């Protein structure tokens, strides 16, 4: 079973066309097969490989915390950075 993922905007410069701002959160539930919150399709498309990897247990050796990663939006003129957090079940 896959882990759920929480995306959080932690940095934003310029004007995001989708209206994202620091503090926005998006929850991706693999158990419920749904996304809660809004996310730009361009950002979603670029972040999905990392989301799927983390949801299915991938660990990246360069990270201090294997459950927390970052991802930059592909809009170079209005950079936005997401924190990608794996939610472990107890």
N, C-alpha and C. Protein backbone atom coordinates (compact mmCIF):
# COMPACT_ATOMS: atom_id res chain seq x y z
N UNK A 1 0.84 -1.18 0.00
CA UNK A 1 0.00 0.00 0.00
C UNK A 1 0.88 1.24 0.00
N UNK A 2 0.47 2.25 -0.72
CA UNK A 2 1.25 3.48 -0.85
C UNK A 2 1.02 4.43 0.32
N UNK A 3 2.04 5.21 0.61
CA UNK A 3 1.91 6.27 1.62
C UNK A 3 1.20 7.47 0.99
N UNK A 4 0.51 8.24 1.82
CA UNK A 4 -0.05 9.50 1.35
C UNK A 4 1.06 10.54 1.35
N UNK A 5 0.83 11.61 0.59
CA UNK A 5 1.83 12.67 0.43
C UNK A 5 1.18 14.02 0.70
N UNK A 6 1.92 14.88 1.40
CA UNK A 6 1.47 16.26 1.60
C UNK A 6 2.46 17.19 0.90
N UNK A 7 1.94 18.05 0.05
CA UNK A 7 2.75 19.08 -0.60
C UNK A 7 2.44 20.40 0.10
N UNK A 8 3.48 21.18 0.35
CA UNK A 8 3.29 22.49 0.98
C UNK A 8 4.19 23.50 0.27
N UNK A 9 3.61 24.64 -0.10
CA UNK A 9 4.40 25.70 -0.72
C UNK A 9 5.25 26.34 0.37
N UNK A 10 6.58 26.28 0.21
CA UNK A 10 7.47 26.85 1.24
C UNK A 10 8.21 28.09 0.74
N UNK A 11 8.15 28.35 -0.58
CA UNK A 11 8.82 29.53 -1.12
C UNK A 11 8.13 29.91 -2.42
N UNK A 12 7.92 31.21 -2.62
CA UNK A 12 7.29 31.68 -3.85
C UNK A 12 7.78 33.08 -4.16
N UNK A 13 8.20 33.30 -5.40
CA UNK A 13 8.65 34.62 -5.84
C UNK A 13 7.88 34.99 -7.10
N UNK A 14 7.73 36.28 -7.33
CA UNK A 14 7.01 36.73 -8.52
C UNK A 14 5.53 36.50 -8.37
N UNK A 15 4.86 36.29 -9.50
CA UNK A 15 3.40 36.09 -9.51
C UNK A 15 3.07 34.72 -10.08
N UNK A 16 2.57 33.85 -9.23
CA UNK A 16 2.16 32.51 -9.67
C UNK A 16 0.81 32.64 -10.37
N UNK A 17 0.75 32.23 -11.62
CA UNK A 17 -0.48 32.32 -12.41
C UNK A 17 -1.61 31.51 -11.78
N UNK A 18 -1.27 30.41 -11.12
CA UNK A 18 -2.29 29.57 -10.48
C UNK A 18 -2.70 30.12 -9.11
N UNK A 19 -2.01 31.15 -8.64
CA UNK A 19 -2.38 31.77 -7.37
C UNK A 19 -1.79 31.10 -6.14
N UNK A 20 -0.83 30.22 -6.30
CA UNK A 20 -0.22 29.57 -5.14
C UNK A 20 0.56 30.59 -4.32
N UNK A 21 0.54 30.38 -3.01
CA UNK A 21 1.30 31.24 -2.10
C UNK A 21 1.87 30.39 -0.97
N UNK A 22 2.86 30.92 -0.29
CA UNK A 22 3.51 30.20 0.81
C UNK A 22 2.44 29.78 1.83
N UNK A 23 2.53 28.53 2.23
CA UNK A 23 1.58 27.98 3.21
C UNK A 23 0.49 27.11 2.59
N UNK A 24 0.26 27.24 1.29
CA UNK A 24 -0.74 26.40 0.62
C UNK A 24 -0.36 24.93 0.77
N UNK A 25 -1.36 24.08 1.02
CA UNK A 25 -1.12 22.65 1.17
C UNK A 25 -2.01 21.84 0.24
N UNK A 26 -1.47 20.76 -0.26
CA UNK A 26 -2.18 19.82 -1.12
C UNK A 26 -1.93 18.43 -0.55
N UNK A 27 -3.00 17.66 -0.38
CA UNK A 27 -2.88 16.29 0.13
C UNK A 27 -3.20 15.32 -0.99
N UNK A 28 -2.32 14.35 -1.17
CA UNK A 28 -2.53 13.31 -2.18
C UNK A 28 -2.71 11.99 -1.45
N UNK A 29 -3.93 11.44 -1.55
CA UNK A 29 -4.26 10.20 -0.88
C UNK A 29 -4.32 9.08 -1.91
N UNK A 30 -3.42 8.12 -1.77
CA UNK A 30 -3.43 6.96 -2.66
C UNK A 30 -4.49 5.97 -2.20
N UNK A 31 -4.78 5.94 -0.90
CA UNK A 31 -5.81 5.05 -0.38
C UNK A 31 -7.19 5.46 -0.89
N UNK A 32 -7.46 6.77 -0.90
CA UNK A 32 -8.76 7.29 -1.36
C UNK A 32 -8.76 7.65 -2.84
N UNK A 33 -7.55 7.61 -3.46
CA UNK A 33 -7.41 7.96 -4.87
C UNK A 33 -7.92 9.37 -5.15
N UNK A 34 -7.40 10.36 -4.37
CA UNK A 34 -7.86 11.73 -4.55
C UNK A 34 -6.78 12.75 -4.20
N UNK A 35 -6.98 13.95 -4.71
CA UNK A 35 -6.13 15.08 -4.37
C UNK A 35 -7.02 16.13 -3.71
N UNK A 36 -6.61 16.60 -2.53
CA UNK A 36 -7.35 17.65 -1.83
C UNK A 36 -6.53 18.92 -1.90
N UNK A 37 -7.13 19.98 -2.40
CA UNK A 37 -6.44 21.25 -2.57
C UNK A 37 -6.18 21.47 -4.04
N UNK A 38 -5.86 22.70 -4.37
CA UNK A 38 -5.62 23.01 -5.79
C UNK A 38 -4.13 23.00 -6.08
N UNK A 39 -3.81 22.57 -7.29
CA UNK A 39 -2.42 22.59 -7.74
C UNK A 39 -2.41 22.82 -9.25
N UNK A 40 -1.52 23.65 -9.69
CA UNK A 40 -1.35 23.94 -11.11
C UNK A 40 -0.99 22.65 -11.85
N UNK A 41 -1.57 22.43 -13.01
CA UNK A 41 -1.30 21.22 -13.78
C UNK A 41 0.17 21.10 -14.17
N UNK A 42 0.83 22.22 -14.45
CA UNK A 42 2.25 22.17 -14.82
C UNK A 42 3.09 21.70 -13.63
N UNK A 43 2.79 22.23 -12.45
CA UNK A 43 3.52 21.80 -11.25
C UNK A 43 3.21 20.34 -10.93
N UNK A 44 1.94 19.95 -11.04
CA UNK A 44 1.55 18.57 -10.76
C UNK A 44 2.27 17.61 -11.70
N UNK A 45 2.29 17.94 -12.98
CA UNK A 45 2.94 17.08 -13.96
C UNK A 45 4.43 16.90 -13.64
N UNK A 46 5.07 17.97 -13.21
CA UNK A 46 6.51 17.89 -12.94
C UNK A 46 6.83 17.18 -11.62
N UNK A 47 5.92 17.24 -10.66
CA UNK A 47 6.19 16.69 -9.33
C UNK A 47 5.76 15.23 -9.19
N UNK A 48 4.91 14.73 -10.10
CA UNK A 48 4.37 13.38 -9.96
C UNK A 48 5.42 12.27 -9.87
N UNK A 49 6.51 12.29 -10.65
CA UNK A 49 7.50 11.21 -10.48
C UNK A 49 8.06 11.13 -9.05
N UNK A 50 8.31 12.29 -8.44
CA UNK A 50 8.82 12.31 -7.07
C UNK A 50 7.75 11.84 -6.09
N UNK A 51 6.50 12.27 -6.31
CA UNK A 51 5.39 11.87 -5.45
C UNK A 51 5.22 10.35 -5.48
N UNK A 52 5.19 9.78 -6.68
CA UNK A 52 5.03 8.33 -6.79
C UNK A 52 6.21 7.59 -6.17
N UNK A 53 7.41 8.05 -6.40
CA UNK A 53 8.58 7.40 -5.82
C UNK A 53 8.49 7.39 -4.29
N UNK A 54 8.19 8.54 -3.71
CA UNK A 54 8.11 8.61 -2.25
C UNK A 54 6.91 7.83 -1.72
N UNK A 55 5.79 7.86 -2.43
CA UNK A 55 4.60 7.14 -2.00
C UNK A 55 4.85 5.63 -1.92
N UNK A 56 5.71 5.14 -2.80
CA UNK A 56 5.97 3.71 -2.83
C UNK A 56 7.30 3.32 -2.18
N UNK A 57 7.79 4.20 -1.28
CA UNK A 57 8.90 3.83 -0.41
C UNK A 57 10.30 4.22 -0.83
N UNK A 58 10.45 4.94 -1.93
CA UNK A 58 11.80 5.34 -2.35
C UNK A 58 12.44 6.23 -1.29
N UNK A 59 13.74 6.04 -1.12
CA UNK A 59 14.50 6.91 -0.23
C UNK A 59 15.70 7.44 -1.01
N UNK A 60 15.97 8.71 -0.84
CA UNK A 60 17.05 9.37 -1.53
C UNK A 60 18.19 9.58 -0.54
N UNK A 61 19.38 9.01 -0.78
CA UNK A 61 20.45 9.01 0.22
C UNK A 61 20.99 10.39 0.58
N UNK A 62 20.74 11.40 -0.22
CA UNK A 62 21.27 12.73 0.06
C UNK A 62 20.35 13.54 0.98
N UNK A 63 19.19 13.02 1.32
CA UNK A 63 18.27 13.74 2.19
C UNK A 63 18.56 13.44 3.66
N UNK A 64 18.49 14.46 4.51
CA UNK A 64 18.63 14.25 5.95
C UNK A 64 17.47 13.43 6.49
N UNK A 65 16.25 13.80 6.07
CA UNK A 65 15.05 13.10 6.48
C UNK A 65 14.49 12.39 5.25
N UNK A 66 14.42 11.07 5.24
CA UNK A 66 13.95 10.36 4.05
C UNK A 66 12.49 10.61 3.70
N UNK A 67 11.75 11.21 4.62
CA UNK A 67 10.33 11.48 4.39
C UNK A 67 10.05 12.90 3.91
N UNK A 68 11.09 13.72 3.76
CA UNK A 68 10.89 15.11 3.36
C UNK A 68 11.83 15.46 2.21
N UNK A 69 11.26 15.96 1.13
CA UNK A 69 12.01 16.34 -0.05
C UNK A 69 11.50 17.70 -0.51
N UNK A 70 12.12 18.30 -1.49
CA UNK A 70 11.63 19.55 -2.06
C UNK A 70 11.51 19.39 -3.57
N UNK A 71 10.70 20.27 -4.15
CA UNK A 71 10.52 20.25 -5.60
C UNK A 71 10.22 21.66 -6.08
N UNK A 72 10.91 22.09 -7.13
CA UNK A 72 10.70 23.43 -7.70
C UNK A 72 9.71 23.37 -8.86
N UNK A 73 8.83 24.33 -8.89
CA UNK A 73 7.89 24.47 -10.00
C UNK A 73 8.68 24.77 -11.27
N UNK A 74 8.21 24.32 -12.43
CA UNK A 74 8.96 24.54 -13.68
C UNK A 74 8.91 25.97 -14.22
N UNK A 75 8.14 26.88 -13.60
CA UNK A 75 8.07 28.27 -14.06
C UNK A 75 9.30 29.04 -13.57
N UNK A 76 10.30 29.18 -14.40
CA UNK A 76 11.57 29.82 -14.02
C UNK A 76 11.42 31.31 -13.71
N UNK A 77 10.42 31.96 -14.28
CA UNK A 77 10.23 33.40 -14.08
C UNK A 77 9.52 33.71 -12.77
N UNK A 78 8.79 32.75 -12.25
CA UNK A 78 8.04 32.92 -11.00
C UNK A 78 8.25 31.69 -10.12
N UNK A 79 9.49 31.53 -9.62
CA UNK A 79 9.82 30.28 -8.93
C UNK A 79 8.98 30.04 -7.67
N UNK A 80 8.63 28.78 -7.51
CA UNK A 80 7.85 28.33 -6.38
C UNK A 80 8.44 27.00 -5.95
N UNK A 81 8.57 26.78 -4.65
CA UNK A 81 9.16 25.53 -4.15
C UNK A 81 8.16 24.84 -3.23
N UNK A 82 7.98 23.54 -3.46
CA UNK A 82 7.12 22.71 -2.63
C UNK A 82 7.96 21.85 -1.69
N UNK A 83 7.48 21.66 -0.48
CA UNK A 83 7.99 20.60 0.38
C UNK A 83 7.13 19.38 0.07
N UNK A 84 7.77 18.25 -0.16
CA UNK A 84 7.08 16.99 -0.44
C UNK A 84 7.29 16.10 0.77
N UNK A 85 6.21 15.82 1.49
CA UNK A 85 6.33 15.05 2.74
C UNK A 85 5.54 13.75 2.66
N UNK A 86 6.24 12.64 2.93
CA UNK A 86 5.60 11.33 3.00
C UNK A 86 4.95 11.20 4.36
N UNK A 87 3.72 10.75 4.39
CA UNK A 87 2.99 10.58 5.65
C UNK A 87 2.99 9.10 5.99
N UNK A 88 3.77 8.77 7.00
CA UNK A 88 3.86 7.36 7.44
C UNK A 88 2.69 7.03 8.35
N UNK A 89 2.15 5.84 8.18
CA UNK A 89 1.06 5.36 9.03
C UNK A 89 1.66 4.63 10.24
N UNK A 90 1.00 4.76 11.33
CA UNK A 90 1.49 4.09 12.56
C UNK A 90 0.83 2.74 12.72
